[in-house]
Protein backbone atom coordinates (compact mmCIF):
# COMPACT_ATOMS: atom_id res chain seq x y z
CA UNK A 1 0.00 0.00 0.00
CA UNK A 2 2.72 2.47 1.02
CA UNK A 3 4.54 2.42 -2.32
CA UNK A 4 1.38 2.91 -4.40
CA UNK A 5 0.00 5.56 -2.09
CA UNK A 6 3.24 7.53 -2.07
CA UNK A 7 3.53 7.24 -5.87
CA UNK A 8 0.15 8.87 -6.48
CA UNK A 9 0.93 11.52 -3.88
CA UNK A 10 4.27 12.31 -5.55
CA UNK A 11 4.86 14.78 -8.35
CA UNK A 12 5.86 11.98 -10.71
CA UNK A 13 2.67 10.08 -10.01
CA UNK A 14 0.48 13.14 -10.48
CA UNK A 15 2.17 13.99 -13.77
CA UNK A 16 1.56 10.42 -14.94
CA UNK A 17 -2.12 10.70 -14.01
CA UNK A 18 -2.44 14.03 -15.81
CA UNK A 19 -0.88 12.50 -18.93
CA UNK A 20 -3.47 9.74 -18.91
CA UNK A 21 -6.26 12.30 -18.42
CA UNK A 22 -5.03 14.25 -21.47
CA UNK A 23 -5.21 11.07 -23.54
CA UNK A 24 -8.77 10.46 -22.39
CA UNK A 25 -9.78 14.01 -23.26
CA UNK A 26 -8.32 13.60 -26.72
CA UNK A 27 -10.59 10.59 -27.17
CA UNK A 28 -13.51 13.00 -26.92
CA UNK A 29 -12.35 14.46 -30.25
CA UNK A 30 -13.07 11.16 -31.99
CA UNK A 31 -16.56 11.51 -33.50
CA UNK A 32 -19.17 8.79 -33.03
CA UNK A 33 -19.53 6.32 -35.89
CA UNK A 34 -23.11 7.41 -36.50
CA UNK A 35 -22.29 11.12 -36.68
CA UNK A 36 -23.65 12.23 -40.03
CA UNK A 37 -21.61 15.36 -40.51
CA UNK A 38 -18.36 15.04 -38.60
CA UNK A 39 -16.62 18.34 -38.18
CA UNK A 40 -13.86 19.85 -36.12
CA UNK A 41 -16.24 22.39 -34.60
CA UNK A 42 -18.59 19.72 -33.30
CA UNK A 43 -15.71 17.69 -31.90
CA UNK A 44 -14.20 20.70 -30.14
CA UNK A 45 -17.62 21.46 -28.68
CA UNK A 46 -17.79 17.89 -27.36
CA UNK A 47 -14.35 18.28 -25.80
CA UNK A 48 -15.35 21.57 -24.19
CA UNK A 49 -18.58 20.16 -22.78
CA UNK A 50 -16.73 17.10 -21.46
CA UNK A 51 -14.16 19.31 -19.72
CA UNK A 52 -16.88 21.47 -18.16
CA UNK A 53 -18.75 18.42 -16.88
CA UNK A 54 -15.59 16.94 -15.41
CA UNK A 55 -14.83 20.24 -13.67
CA UNK A 56 -18.39 20.45 -12.34
CA UNK A 57 -18.19 16.91 -10.98
CA UNK A 58 -14.93 17.67 -9.17
CA UNK A 59 -16.25 20.91 -7.67
CA UNK A 60 -19.55 19.37 -6.55
CA UNK A 61 -17.64 16.47 -5.07
CA UNK A 62 -16.09 18.86 -2.54
CA UNK A 63 -19.48 19.60 -0.96
CA UNK A 64 -20.11 16.72 1.42
CA UNK A 65 -23.21 16.37 3.58
CA UNK A 66 -21.39 13.69 5.54
CA UNK A 67 -18.56 11.23 5.10
CA UNK A 68 -18.58 7.52 5.85
CA UNK A 69 -15.97 6.16 8.30
CA UNK A 70 -14.46 3.72 5.80
CA UNK A 71 -14.64 5.85 2.68
CA UNK A 72 -17.47 7.23 0.59
CA UNK A 73 -19.60 10.30 1.23
CA UNK A 74 -22.89 11.92 0.29
CA UNK A 75 -22.09 14.64 -2.23
CA UNK A 76 -25.41 15.75 -3.77
CA UNK A 77 -25.36 16.19 -7.56
CA UNK A 78 -21.66 15.29 -7.87
CA UNK A 79 -22.40 12.26 -10.05
CA UNK A 80 -24.92 14.11 -12.22
CA UNK A 81 -22.48 16.02 -14.49
CA UNK A 82 -21.00 12.80 -15.89
CA UNK A 83 -24.45 11.36 -16.50
CA UNK A 84 -25.37 14.60 -18.28
CA UNK A 85 -22.21 14.36 -20.35
CA UNK A 86 -23.33 10.91 -21.47
CA UNK A 87 -26.88 12.19 -22.02
CA UNK A 88 -25.68 15.05 -24.20
CA UNK A 89 -22.74 13.45 -26.00
CA UNK A 90 -23.25 9.70 -25.86
CA UNK A 91 -22.16 6.78 -23.72
CA UNK A 92 -18.55 6.59 -24.92
CA UNK A 93 -17.82 10.21 -24.17
CA UNK A 94 -19.67 9.96 -20.86
CA UNK A 95 -17.59 6.97 -19.78
CA UNK A 96 -14.41 8.77 -20.86
CA UNK A 97 -15.34 11.88 -18.86
CA UNK A 98 -16.18 9.75 -15.84
CA UNK A 99 -12.81 8.03 -15.99
CA UNK A 100 -11.16 11.46 -16.05
CA UNK A 101 -13.02 12.37 -12.85
CA UNK A 102 -11.83 9.17 -11.22
CA UNK A 103 -8.25 9.87 -12.24
CA UNK A 104 -8.44 13.45 -10.95
CA UNK A 105 -9.62 12.09 -7.61
CA UNK A 106 -6.36 10.15 -7.54
CA UNK A 107 -4.58 13.49 -7.50
CA UNK A 108 -6.74 15.24 -4.91
CA UNK A 109 -7.26 12.43 -2.41
CA UNK A 110 -5.91 8.99 -3.30
CA UNK A 111 -6.37 5.90 -1.17
CA UNK A 112 -4.64 3.05 -2.95
CA UNK A 113 -3.74 -0.37 -1.57
CA UNK A 114 -3.61 -2.42 -4.78
CA UNK A 115 -3.41 -1.67 -8.53
CA UNK A 116 -6.74 -3.41 -9.22
CA UNK A 117 -8.40 -1.62 -6.31
CA UNK A 118 -7.17 1.65 -7.79
CA UNK A 119 -8.71 0.82 -11.16
CA UNK A 120 -12.04 -0.28 -9.68
CA UNK A 121 -12.43 2.56 -7.17
CA UNK A 122 -11.32 5.39 -9.42
CA UNK A 123 -11.50 5.24 -13.26
CA UNK A 124 -13.89 2.28 -13.50
CA UNK A 125 -16.27 3.41 -10.74
CA UNK A 126 -16.65 6.93 -12.09
CA UNK A 127 -16.52 5.76 -15.70
CA UNK A 128 -19.53 3.55 -14.96
CA UNK A 129 -21.59 6.72 -14.48
CA UNK A 130 -21.29 7.21 -18.23
CA UNK A 131 -23.44 4.12 -18.75
CA UNK A 132 -26.32 6.49 -18.13
CA UNK A 133 -25.94 7.41 -21.80
CA UNK A 134 -27.69 4.15 -22.65
CA UNK A 135 -30.92 5.89 -21.63
CA UNK A 136 -30.28 9.12 -23.55
CA UNK A 137 -32.99 8.47 -26.16
CA UNK A 138 -35.56 7.13 -23.71
CA UNK A 139 -38.46 9.02 -22.21
CA UNK A 140 -37.37 10.73 -18.98
CA UNK A 141 -33.85 9.79 -20.04
CA UNK A 142 -32.02 12.01 -17.55
CA UNK A 143 -33.53 10.35 -14.48
CA UNK A 144 -33.32 6.86 -15.96
CA UNK A 145 -29.77 7.50 -17.10
CA UNK A 146 -28.78 8.80 -13.69
CA UNK A 147 -30.16 5.69 -12.01
CA UNK A 148 -28.36 3.40 -14.47
CA UNK A 149 -25.09 5.30 -14.03
CA UNK A 150 -25.39 5.28 -10.25
CA UNK A 151 -26.06 1.54 -10.25
CA UNK A 152 -22.91 1.09 -12.33
CA UNK A 153 -20.86 3.04 -9.80
CA UNK A 154 -22.51 1.15 -6.95
CA UNK A 155 -21.56 -2.18 -8.55
CA UNK A 156 -17.91 -1.11 -8.72
CA UNK A 157 -17.97 0.06 -5.09
CA UNK A 158 -19.50 -3.22 -3.93
CA UNK A 159 -16.95 -5.24 -5.88
CA UNK A 160 -14.08 -3.27 -4.36
CA UNK A 161 -15.53 -3.62 -0.88
CA UNK A 162 -15.85 -7.39 -1.19
CA UNK A 163 -12.43 -8.02 -2.67
CA UNK A 164 -10.26 -5.45 -0.94
CA UNK A 165 -12.04 -4.26 2.21
CA UNK A 166 -13.94 -7.32 3.40
CA UNK A 167 -11.79 -7.51 6.53
CA UNK A 168 -13.46 -4.34 7.81
CA UNK A 169 -16.87 -6.03 8.00
CA UNK A 170 -18.27 -5.78 11.56
CA UNK A 171 -19.65 -8.66 13.53
CA UNK A 172 -22.83 -10.04 11.98
CA UNK A 173 -21.77 -9.21 8.43
CA UNK A 174 -19.60 -11.00 5.91
CA UNK A 175 -17.63 -9.26 3.17
CA UNK A 176 -20.52 -9.41 0.68
CA UNK A 177 -23.39 -8.28 2.91
CA UNK A 178 -21.29 -5.54 4.48
CA UNK A 179 -20.14 -4.13 1.15
CA UNK A 180 -23.67 -4.26 -0.29
CA UNK A 181 -25.13 -2.45 2.72
CA UNK A 182 -22.28 -0.03 3.39
CA UNK A 183 -22.08 1.33 -0.16
CA UNK A 184 -25.86 1.42 -0.50
CA UNK A 185 -26.26 3.78 2.46
CA UNK A 186 -24.38 6.75 1.04
CA UNK A 187 -24.99 6.23 -2.69
CA UNK A 188 -28.73 5.69 -2.20
CA UNK A 189 -28.97 8.85 -0.10
CA UNK A 190 -27.16 10.83 -2.75
CA UNK A 191 -29.26 9.25 -5.48
CA UNK A 192 -32.58 10.14 -3.85
CA UNK A 193 -31.53 13.76 -3.34
CA UNK A 194 -30.35 14.11 -6.93
CA UNK A 195 -33.41 12.45 -8.48
CA UNK A 196 -35.71 14.75 -6.50
CA UNK A 197 -33.82 17.84 -7.70
CA UNK A 198 -33.60 16.68 -11.33
CA UNK A 199 -37.33 15.85 -11.33
CA UNK A 200 -38.29 19.43 -10.52
CA UNK A 201 -40.06 20.56 -13.72
CA UNK A 202 -38.01 23.73 -14.17
CA UNK A 203 -34.71 21.91 -13.65
CA UNK A 204 -35.72 19.04 -15.93
CA UNK A 205 -36.88 21.39 -18.67
CA UNK A 206 -33.64 23.39 -18.51
CA UNK A 207 -31.45 20.29 -18.74
CA UNK A 208 -33.45 18.94 -21.68
CA UNK A 209 -33.30 22.33 -23.43
CA UNK A 210 -29.51 22.13 -23.28
CA UNK A 211 -29.75 18.75 -25.00
CA UNK A 212 -31.70 20.33 -27.85
CA UNK A 213 -29.00 22.97 -28.28
CA UNK A 214 -26.13 20.48 -28.17
CA UNK A 215 -27.78 17.77 -30.25
CA UNK A 216 -30.35 19.25 -32.69
CA UNK A 217 -31.31 15.74 -33.88
CA UNK A 218 -32.74 15.06 -30.41
CA UNK A 219 -35.61 17.44 -31.14
CA UNK A 220 -36.83 15.12 -33.91
CA UNK A 221 -37.21 12.13 -31.59
CA UNK A 222 -40.68 11.18 -30.42
CA UNK A 223 -41.42 9.20 -27.28
C-alpha atoms as a PDB file:
ATOM      1  CA  UNK A   1       0.000   0.000   0.000  1.00  0.00           C
ATOM      2  CA  UNK A   2       2.719   2.470   1.017  1.00  0.00           C
ATOM      3  CA  UNK A   3       4.538   2.424  -2.316  1.00  0.00           C
ATOM      4  CA  UNK A   4       1.383   2.908  -4.405  1.00  0.00           C
ATOM      5  CA  UNK A   5      -0.001   5.565  -2.089  1.00  0.00           C
ATOM      6  CA  UNK A   6       3.245   7.526  -2.070  1.00  0.00           C
ATOM      7  CA  UNK A   7       3.528   7.240  -5.866  1.00  0.00           C
ATOM      8  CA  UNK A   8       0.149   8.875  -6.483  1.00  0.00           C
ATOM      9  CA  UNK A   9       0.931  11.520  -3.884  1.00  0.00           C
ATOM     10  CA  UNK A  10       4.270  12.306  -5.554  1.00  0.00           C
ATOM     11  CA  UNK A  11       4.857  14.785  -8.351  1.00  0.00           C
ATOM     12  CA  UNK A  12       5.859  11.984 -10.707  1.00  0.00           C
ATOM     13  CA  UNK A  13       2.673  10.083 -10.013  1.00  0.00           C
ATOM     14  CA  UNK A  14       0.478  13.141 -10.478  1.00  0.00           C
ATOM     15  CA  UNK A  15       2.171  13.990 -13.773  1.00  0.00           C
ATOM     16  CA  UNK A  16       1.556  10.423 -14.937  1.00  0.00           C
ATOM     17  CA  UNK A  17      -2.123  10.698 -14.011  1.00  0.00           C
ATOM     18  CA  UNK A  18      -2.444  14.029 -15.814  1.00  0.00           C
ATOM     19  CA  UNK A  19      -0.875  12.503 -18.928  1.00  0.00           C
ATOM     20  CA  UNK A  20      -3.475   9.735 -18.912  1.00  0.00           C
ATOM     21  CA  UNK A  21      -6.259  12.297 -18.424  1.00  0.00           C
ATOM     22  CA  UNK A  22      -5.034  14.253 -21.470  1.00  0.00           C
ATOM     23  CA  UNK A  23      -5.209  11.071 -23.543  1.00  0.00           C
ATOM     24  CA  UNK A  24      -8.772  10.464 -22.386  1.00  0.00           C
ATOM     25  CA  UNK A  25      -9.784  14.009 -23.258  1.00  0.00           C
ATOM     26  CA  UNK A  26      -8.320  13.596 -26.723  1.00  0.00           C
ATOM     27  CA  UNK A  27     -10.586  10.587 -27.165  1.00  0.00           C
ATOM     28  CA  UNK A  28     -13.514  13.002 -26.922  1.00  0.00           C
ATOM     29  CA  UNK A  29     -12.348  14.459 -30.245  1.00  0.00           C
ATOM     30  CA  UNK A  30     -13.066  11.164 -31.994  1.00  0.00           C
ATOM     31  CA  UNK A  31     -16.558  11.509 -33.499  1.00  0.00           C
ATOM     32  CA  UNK A  32     -19.167   8.786 -33.029  1.00  0.00           C
ATOM     33  CA  UNK A  33     -19.526   6.315 -35.895  1.00  0.00           C
ATOM     34  CA  UNK A  34     -23.108   7.407 -36.504  1.00  0.00           C
ATOM     35  CA  UNK A  35     -22.286  11.116 -36.683  1.00  0.00           C
ATOM     36  CA  UNK A  36     -23.654  12.226 -40.031  1.00  0.00           C
ATOM     37  CA  UNK A  37     -21.612  15.361 -40.505  1.00  0.00           C
ATOM     38  CA  UNK A  38     -18.363  15.038 -38.596  1.00  0.00           C
ATOM     39  CA  UNK A  39     -16.621  18.338 -38.185  1.00  0.00           C
ATOM     40  CA  UNK A  40     -13.864  19.846 -36.117  1.00  0.00           C
ATOM     41  CA  UNK A  41     -16.243  22.394 -34.599  1.00  0.00           C
ATOM     42  CA  UNK A  42     -18.593  19.716 -33.296  1.00  0.00           C
ATOM     43  CA  UNK A  43     -15.712  17.685 -31.903  1.00  0.00           C
ATOM     44  CA  UNK A  44     -14.198  20.700 -30.142  1.00  0.00           C
ATOM     45  CA  UNK A  45     -17.621  21.456 -28.679  1.00  0.00           C
ATOM     46  CA  UNK A  46     -17.793  17.889 -27.361  1.00  0.00           C
ATOM     47  CA  UNK A  47     -14.346  18.277 -25.805  1.00  0.00           C
ATOM     48  CA  UNK A  48     -15.354  21.572 -24.193  1.00  0.00           C
ATOM     49  CA  UNK A  49     -18.579  20.156 -22.782  1.00  0.00           C
ATOM     50  CA  UNK A  50     -16.732  17.103 -21.462  1.00  0.00           C
ATOM     51  CA  UNK A  51     -14.162  19.314 -19.725  1.00  0.00           C
ATOM     52  CA  UNK A  52     -16.882  21.470 -18.162  1.00  0.00           C
ATOM     53  CA  UNK A  53     -18.754  18.421 -16.882  1.00  0.00           C
ATOM     54  CA  UNK A  54     -15.588  16.942 -15.414  1.00  0.00           C
ATOM     55  CA  UNK A  55     -14.828  20.237 -13.671  1.00  0.00           C
ATOM     56  CA  UNK A  56     -18.394  20.451 -12.343  1.00  0.00           C
ATOM     57  CA  UNK A  57     -18.191  16.905 -10.978  1.00  0.00           C
ATOM     58  CA  UNK A  58     -14.925  17.669  -9.174  1.00  0.00           C
ATOM     59  CA  UNK A  59     -16.252  20.909  -7.672  1.00  0.00           C
ATOM     60  CA  UNK A  60     -19.551  19.371  -6.551  1.00  0.00           C
ATOM     61  CA  UNK A  61     -17.637  16.466  -5.065  1.00  0.00           C
ATOM     62  CA  UNK A  62     -16.091  18.865  -2.545  1.00  0.00           C
ATOM     63  CA  UNK A  63     -19.482  19.603  -0.964  1.00  0.00           C
ATOM     64  CA  UNK A  64     -20.109  16.722   1.424  1.00  0.00           C
ATOM     65  CA  UNK A  65     -23.209  16.371   3.581  1.00  0.00           C
ATOM     66  CA  UNK A  66     -21.394  13.685   5.544  1.00  0.00           C
ATOM     67  CA  UNK A  67     -18.557  11.226   5.098  1.00  0.00           C
ATOM     68  CA  UNK A  68     -18.575   7.522   5.854  1.00  0.00           C
ATOM     69  CA  UNK A  69     -15.973   6.161   8.305  1.00  0.00           C
ATOM     70  CA  UNK A  70     -14.460   3.718   5.801  1.00  0.00           C
ATOM     71  CA  UNK A  71     -14.637   5.854   2.681  1.00  0.00           C
ATOM     72  CA  UNK A  72     -17.473   7.229   0.594  1.00  0.00           C
ATOM     73  CA  UNK A  73     -19.600  10.304   1.229  1.00  0.00           C
ATOM     74  CA  UNK A  74     -22.889  11.925   0.293  1.00  0.00           C
ATOM     75  CA  UNK A  75     -22.092  14.640  -2.226  1.00  0.00           C
ATOM     76  CA  UNK A  76     -25.412  15.754  -3.770  1.00  0.00           C
ATOM     77  CA  UNK A  77     -25.360  16.188  -7.560  1.00  0.00           C
ATOM     78  CA  UNK A  78     -21.664  15.294  -7.867  1.00  0.00           C
ATOM     79  CA  UNK A  79     -22.398  12.263 -10.048  1.00  0.00           C
ATOM     80  CA  UNK A  80     -24.916  14.106 -12.223  1.00  0.00           C
ATOM     81  CA  UNK A  81     -22.475  16.022 -14.494  1.00  0.00           C
ATOM     82  CA  UNK A  82     -21.002  12.801 -15.887  1.00  0.00           C
ATOM     83  CA  UNK A  83     -24.453  11.362 -16.500  1.00  0.00           C
ATOM     84  CA  UNK A  84     -25.374  14.602 -18.276  1.00  0.00           C
ATOM     85  CA  UNK A  85     -22.211  14.364 -20.348  1.00  0.00           C
ATOM     86  CA  UNK A  86     -23.331  10.914 -21.473  1.00  0.00           C
ATOM     87  CA  UNK A  87     -26.879  12.188 -22.022  1.00  0.00           C
ATOM     88  CA  UNK A  88     -25.676  15.054 -24.199  1.00  0.00           C
ATOM     89  CA  UNK A  89     -22.738  13.450 -26.003  1.00  0.00           C
ATOM     90  CA  UNK A  90     -23.248   9.696 -25.860  1.00  0.00           C
ATOM     91  CA  UNK A  91     -22.159   6.778 -23.716  1.00  0.00           C
ATOM     92  CA  UNK A  92     -18.554   6.586 -24.919  1.00  0.00           C
ATOM     93  CA  UNK A  93     -17.821  10.206 -24.168  1.00  0.00           C
ATOM     94  CA  UNK A  94     -19.667   9.962 -20.864  1.00  0.00           C
ATOM     95  CA  UNK A  95     -17.587   6.972 -19.783  1.00  0.00           C
ATOM     96  CA  UNK A  96     -14.413   8.773 -20.859  1.00  0.00           C
ATOM     97  CA  UNK A  97     -15.345  11.878 -18.861  1.00  0.00           C
ATOM     98  CA  UNK A  98     -16.177   9.745 -15.838  1.00  0.00           C
ATOM     99  CA  UNK A  99     -12.808   8.033 -15.992  1.00  0.00           C
ATOM    100  CA  UNK A 100     -11.159  11.462 -16.050  1.00  0.00           C
ATOM    101  CA  UNK A 101     -13.024  12.375 -12.853  1.00  0.00           C
ATOM    102  CA  UNK A 102     -11.829   9.169 -11.220  1.00  0.00           C
ATOM    103  CA  UNK A 103      -8.251   9.873 -12.237  1.00  0.00           C
ATOM    104  CA  UNK A 104      -8.444  13.449 -10.954  1.00  0.00           C
ATOM    105  CA  UNK A 105      -9.615  12.094  -7.608  1.00  0.00           C
ATOM    106  CA  UNK A 106      -6.360  10.145  -7.544  1.00  0.00           C
ATOM    107  CA  UNK A 107      -4.579  13.493  -7.500  1.00  0.00           C
ATOM    108  CA  UNK A 108      -6.745  15.238  -4.907  1.00  0.00           C
ATOM    109  CA  UNK A 109      -7.263  12.426  -2.413  1.00  0.00           C
ATOM    110  CA  UNK A 110      -5.906   8.991  -3.300  1.00  0.00           C
ATOM    111  CA  UNK A 111      -6.372   5.897  -1.172  1.00  0.00           C
ATOM    112  CA  UNK A 112      -4.635   3.046  -2.953  1.00  0.00           C
ATOM    113  CA  UNK A 113      -3.744  -0.373  -1.572  1.00  0.00           C
ATOM    114  CA  UNK A 114      -3.611  -2.422  -4.777  1.00  0.00           C
ATOM    115  CA  UNK A 115      -3.413  -1.674  -8.527  1.00  0.00           C
ATOM    116  CA  UNK A 116      -6.743  -3.411  -9.220  1.00  0.00           C
ATOM    117  CA  UNK A 117      -8.397  -1.624  -6.313  1.00  0.00           C
ATOM    118  CA  UNK A 118      -7.169   1.654  -7.792  1.00  0.00           C
ATOM    119  CA  UNK A 119      -8.707   0.822 -11.159  1.00  0.00           C
ATOM    120  CA  UNK A 120     -12.041  -0.276  -9.683  1.00  0.00           C
ATOM    121  CA  UNK A 121     -12.429   2.557  -7.168  1.00  0.00           C
ATOM    122  CA  UNK A 122     -11.318   5.392  -9.419  1.00  0.00           C
ATOM    123  CA  UNK A 123     -11.502   5.237 -13.263  1.00  0.00           C
ATOM    124  CA  UNK A 124     -13.894   2.281 -13.498  1.00  0.00           C
ATOM    125  CA  UNK A 125     -16.271   3.410 -10.742  1.00  0.00           C
ATOM    126  CA  UNK A 126     -16.655   6.927 -12.095  1.00  0.00           C
ATOM    127  CA  UNK A 127     -16.517   5.763 -15.695  1.00  0.00           C
ATOM    128  CA  UNK A 128     -19.529   3.551 -14.957  1.00  0.00           C
ATOM    129  CA  UNK A 129     -21.590   6.716 -14.475  1.00  0.00           C
ATOM    130  CA  UNK A 130     -21.295   7.205 -18.230  1.00  0.00           C
ATOM    131  CA  UNK A 131     -23.443   4.121 -18.748  1.00  0.00           C
ATOM    132  CA  UNK A 132     -26.321   6.486 -18.134  1.00  0.00           C
ATOM    133  CA  UNK A 133     -25.937   7.408 -21.799  1.00  0.00           C
ATOM    134  CA  UNK A 134     -27.687   4.149 -22.646  1.00  0.00           C
ATOM    135  CA  UNK A 135     -30.924   5.890 -21.633  1.00  0.00           C
ATOM    136  CA  UNK A 136     -30.280   9.118 -23.548  1.00  0.00           C
ATOM    137  CA  UNK A 137     -32.989   8.468 -26.158  1.00  0.00           C
ATOM    138  CA  UNK A 138     -35.560   7.130 -23.715  1.00  0.00           C
ATOM    139  CA  UNK A 139     -38.459   9.022 -22.206  1.00  0.00           C
ATOM    140  CA  UNK A 140     -37.366  10.735 -18.980  1.00  0.00           C
ATOM    141  CA  UNK A 141     -33.847   9.792 -20.044  1.00  0.00           C
ATOM    142  CA  UNK A 142     -32.022  12.012 -17.549  1.00  0.00           C
ATOM    143  CA  UNK A 143     -33.527  10.353 -14.480  1.00  0.00           C
ATOM    144  CA  UNK A 144     -33.318   6.863 -15.965  1.00  0.00           C
ATOM    145  CA  UNK A 145     -29.768   7.500 -17.103  1.00  0.00           C
ATOM    146  CA  UNK A 146     -28.778   8.801 -13.689  1.00  0.00           C
ATOM    147  CA  UNK A 147     -30.158   5.687 -12.007  1.00  0.00           C
ATOM    148  CA  UNK A 148     -28.357   3.397 -14.467  1.00  0.00           C
ATOM    149  CA  UNK A 149     -25.094   5.296 -14.026  1.00  0.00           C
ATOM    150  CA  UNK A 150     -25.386   5.276 -10.246  1.00  0.00           C
ATOM    151  CA  UNK A 151     -26.064   1.538 -10.255  1.00  0.00           C
ATOM    152  CA  UNK A 152     -22.907   1.093 -12.327  1.00  0.00           C
ATOM    153  CA  UNK A 153     -20.857   3.039  -9.799  1.00  0.00           C
ATOM    154  CA  UNK A 154     -22.506   1.146  -6.948  1.00  0.00           C
ATOM    155  CA  UNK A 155     -21.563  -2.180  -8.548  1.00  0.00           C
ATOM    156  CA  UNK A 156     -17.914  -1.106  -8.716  1.00  0.00           C
ATOM    157  CA  UNK A 157     -17.968   0.057  -5.089  1.00  0.00           C
ATOM    158  CA  UNK A 158     -19.504  -3.221  -3.929  1.00  0.00           C
ATOM    159  CA  UNK A 159     -16.945  -5.240  -5.876  1.00  0.00           C
ATOM    160  CA  UNK A 160     -14.076  -3.268  -4.360  1.00  0.00           C
ATOM    161  CA  UNK A 161     -15.527  -3.623  -0.884  1.00  0.00           C
ATOM    162  CA  UNK A 162     -15.855  -7.388  -1.193  1.00  0.00           C
ATOM    163  CA  UNK A 163     -12.427  -8.023  -2.673  1.00  0.00           C
ATOM    164  CA  UNK A 164     -10.259  -5.448  -0.936  1.00  0.00           C
ATOM    165  CA  UNK A 165     -12.043  -4.259   2.207  1.00  0.00           C
ATOM    166  CA  UNK A 166     -13.943  -7.316   3.403  1.00  0.00           C
ATOM    167  CA  UNK A 167     -11.791  -7.513   6.532  1.00  0.00           C
ATOM    168  CA  UNK A 168     -13.457  -4.341   7.807  1.00  0.00           C
ATOM    169  CA  UNK A 169     -16.865  -6.031   7.998  1.00  0.00           C
ATOM    170  CA  UNK A 170     -18.266  -5.775  11.560  1.00  0.00           C
ATOM    171  CA  UNK A 171     -19.646  -8.658  13.526  1.00  0.00           C
ATOM    172  CA  UNK A 172     -22.826 -10.041  11.979  1.00  0.00           C
ATOM    173  CA  UNK A 173     -21.769  -9.210   8.427  1.00  0.00           C
ATOM    174  CA  UNK A 174     -19.603 -10.998   5.908  1.00  0.00           C
ATOM    175  CA  UNK A 175     -17.630  -9.259   3.170  1.00  0.00           C
ATOM    176  CA  UNK A 176     -20.524  -9.408   0.684  1.00  0.00           C
ATOM    177  CA  UNK A 177     -23.390  -8.279   2.912  1.00  0.00           C
ATOM    178  CA  UNK A 178     -21.293  -5.541   4.482  1.00  0.00           C
ATOM    179  CA  UNK A 179     -20.142  -4.126   1.155  1.00  0.00           C
ATOM    180  CA  UNK A 180     -23.667  -4.255  -0.286  1.00  0.00           C
ATOM    181  CA  UNK A 181     -25.131  -2.453   2.717  1.00  0.00           C
ATOM    182  CA  UNK A 182     -22.281  -0.027   3.388  1.00  0.00           C
ATOM    183  CA  UNK A 183     -22.085   1.332  -0.163  1.00  0.00           C
ATOM    184  CA  UNK A 184     -25.862   1.422  -0.502  1.00  0.00           C
ATOM    185  CA  UNK A 185     -26.256   3.780   2.460  1.00  0.00           C
ATOM    186  CA  UNK A 186     -24.379   6.750   1.039  1.00  0.00           C
ATOM    187  CA  UNK A 187     -24.994   6.226  -2.694  1.00  0.00           C
ATOM    188  CA  UNK A 188     -28.733   5.692  -2.199  1.00  0.00           C
ATOM    189  CA  UNK A 189     -28.972   8.845  -0.097  1.00  0.00           C
ATOM    190  CA  UNK A 190     -27.155  10.830  -2.751  1.00  0.00           C
ATOM    191  CA  UNK A 191     -29.264   9.250  -5.484  1.00  0.00           C
ATOM    192  CA  UNK A 192     -32.575  10.137  -3.849  1.00  0.00           C
ATOM    193  CA  UNK A 193     -31.532  13.760  -3.340  1.00  0.00           C
ATOM    194  CA  UNK A 194     -30.347  14.110  -6.932  1.00  0.00           C
ATOM    195  CA  UNK A 195     -33.408  12.448  -8.482  1.00  0.00           C
ATOM    196  CA  UNK A 196     -35.706  14.752  -6.501  1.00  0.00           C
ATOM    197  CA  UNK A 197     -33.820  17.842  -7.698  1.00  0.00           C
ATOM    198  CA  UNK A 198     -33.604  16.680 -11.325  1.00  0.00           C
ATOM    199  CA  UNK A 199     -37.331  15.846 -11.335  1.00  0.00           C
ATOM    200  CA  UNK A 200     -38.293  19.429 -10.521  1.00  0.00           C
ATOM    201  CA  UNK A 201     -40.064  20.563 -13.723  1.00  0.00           C
ATOM    202  CA  UNK A 202     -38.009  23.733 -14.166  1.00  0.00           C
ATOM    203  CA  UNK A 203     -34.715  21.909 -13.655  1.00  0.00           C
ATOM    204  CA  UNK A 204     -35.724  19.040 -15.928  1.00  0.00           C
ATOM    205  CA  UNK A 205     -36.883  21.393 -18.673  1.00  0.00           C
ATOM    206  CA  UNK A 206     -33.642  23.393 -18.508  1.00  0.00           C
ATOM    207  CA  UNK A 207     -31.452  20.287 -18.742  1.00  0.00           C
ATOM    208  CA  UNK A 208     -33.447  18.942 -21.685  1.00  0.00           C
ATOM    209  CA  UNK A 209     -33.298  22.328 -23.431  1.00  0.00           C
ATOM    210  CA  UNK A 210     -29.514  22.128 -23.283  1.00  0.00           C
ATOM    211  CA  UNK A 211     -29.748  18.753 -25.003  1.00  0.00           C
ATOM    212  CA  UNK A 212     -31.696  20.333 -27.853  1.00  0.00           C
ATOM    213  CA  UNK A 213     -28.997  22.973 -28.282  1.00  0.00           C
ATOM    214  CA  UNK A 214     -26.126  20.481 -28.166  1.00  0.00           C
ATOM    215  CA  UNK A 215     -27.783  17.774 -30.247  1.00  0.00           C
ATOM    216  CA  UNK A 216     -30.346  19.249 -32.692  1.00  0.00           C
ATOM    217  CA  UNK A 217     -31.313  15.743 -33.875  1.00  0.00           C
ATOM    218  CA  UNK A 218     -32.740  15.062 -30.408  1.00  0.00           C
ATOM    219  CA  UNK A 219     -35.607  17.437 -31.140  1.00  0.00           C
ATOM    220  CA  UNK A 220     -36.829  15.124 -33.908  1.00  0.00           C
ATOM    221  CA  UNK A 221     -37.206  12.135 -31.585  1.00  0.00           C
ATOM    222  CA  UNK A 222     -40.680  11.182 -30.418  1.00  0.00           C
ATOM    223  CA  UNK A 223     -41.418   9.204 -27.278  1.00  0.00           C
END
